């Protein structure tokens, strides 16, 4: 097989450009939303270490 040849895959959707990112976002939706909100709140209200630590712990719950 030559370099750069397209491999045959039964799952055609997996070969679409945004499919893997979509699966990743759906799988990790809660941590992505919490992290984004924590960053936005830190920017809006200023850095608060206690708030930051509590929310990082919440990501692991």
Protein backbone atom coordinates (compact mmCIF):
# COMPACT_ATOMS: atom_id res chain seq x y z
CA UNK A 1 0.00 0.00 0.00
CA UNK A 2 1.41 3.33 -0.94
CA UNK A 3 1.84 6.20 1.48
CA UNK A 4 -1.21 8.44 1.76
CA UNK A 5 -3.67 5.88 0.42
CA UNK A 6 -7.16 6.12 1.87
CA UNK A 7 -7.98 3.13 4.04
CA UNK A 8 -11.37 1.51 3.68
CA UNK A 9 -13.51 1.93 6.76
CA UNK A 10 -16.96 0.51 7.44
CA UNK A 11 -17.87 3.55 9.52
CA UNK A 12 -18.10 6.24 6.85
CA UNK A 13 -19.20 8.90 9.39
CA UNK A 14 -15.88 8.53 11.24
CA UNK A 15 -14.09 9.78 8.12
CA UNK A 16 -16.03 13.07 8.01
CA UNK A 17 -13.96 16.13 9.02
CA UNK A 18 -15.89 17.25 12.13
CA UNK A 19 -17.17 13.88 13.28
CA UNK A 20 -14.42 13.10 15.82
CA UNK A 21 -14.68 16.59 17.37
CA UNK A 22 -18.47 16.21 17.61
CA UNK A 23 -18.10 12.85 19.39
CA UNK A 24 -15.50 14.36 21.76
CA UNK A 25 -17.75 17.33 22.63
CA UNK A 26 -20.76 15.10 23.24
CA UNK A 27 -18.72 12.70 25.39
CA UNK A 28 -17.15 15.43 27.56
CA UNK A 29 -19.99 17.96 27.49
CA UNK A 30 -20.26 18.52 31.26
CA UNK A 31 -16.52 19.19 31.88
CA UNK A 32 -16.33 21.46 28.82
CA UNK A 33 -19.32 23.52 29.97
CA UNK A 34 -18.05 23.77 33.58
CA UNK A 35 -14.53 24.73 32.49
CA UNK A 36 -15.84 27.38 30.09
CA UNK A 37 -18.12 28.86 32.75
CA UNK A 38 -15.33 28.90 35.36
CA UNK A 39 -13.01 30.73 32.97
CA UNK A 40 -15.70 33.27 32.06
CA UNK A 41 -16.63 33.90 35.70
CA UNK A 42 -12.95 34.28 36.63
CA UNK A 43 -12.54 36.87 33.86
CA UNK A 44 -15.72 38.77 34.77
CA UNK A 45 -15.39 38.83 38.57
CA UNK A 46 -11.64 38.53 39.00
CA UNK A 47 -9.56 35.59 40.14
CA UNK A 48 -10.80 33.80 43.26
CA UNK A 49 -8.63 30.79 44.19
CA UNK A 50 -11.27 29.18 46.44
CA UNK A 51 -13.91 29.37 43.71
CA UNK A 52 -11.45 28.01 41.16
CA UNK A 53 -10.44 25.04 43.35
CA UNK A 54 -14.06 24.18 44.19
CA UNK A 55 -14.99 24.10 40.51
CA UNK A 56 -11.97 22.04 39.55
CA UNK A 57 -12.95 19.50 42.22
CA UNK A 58 -16.50 19.57 40.84
CA UNK A 59 -15.14 18.45 37.45
CA UNK A 60 -14.05 15.16 39.02
CA UNK A 61 -17.44 14.40 40.64
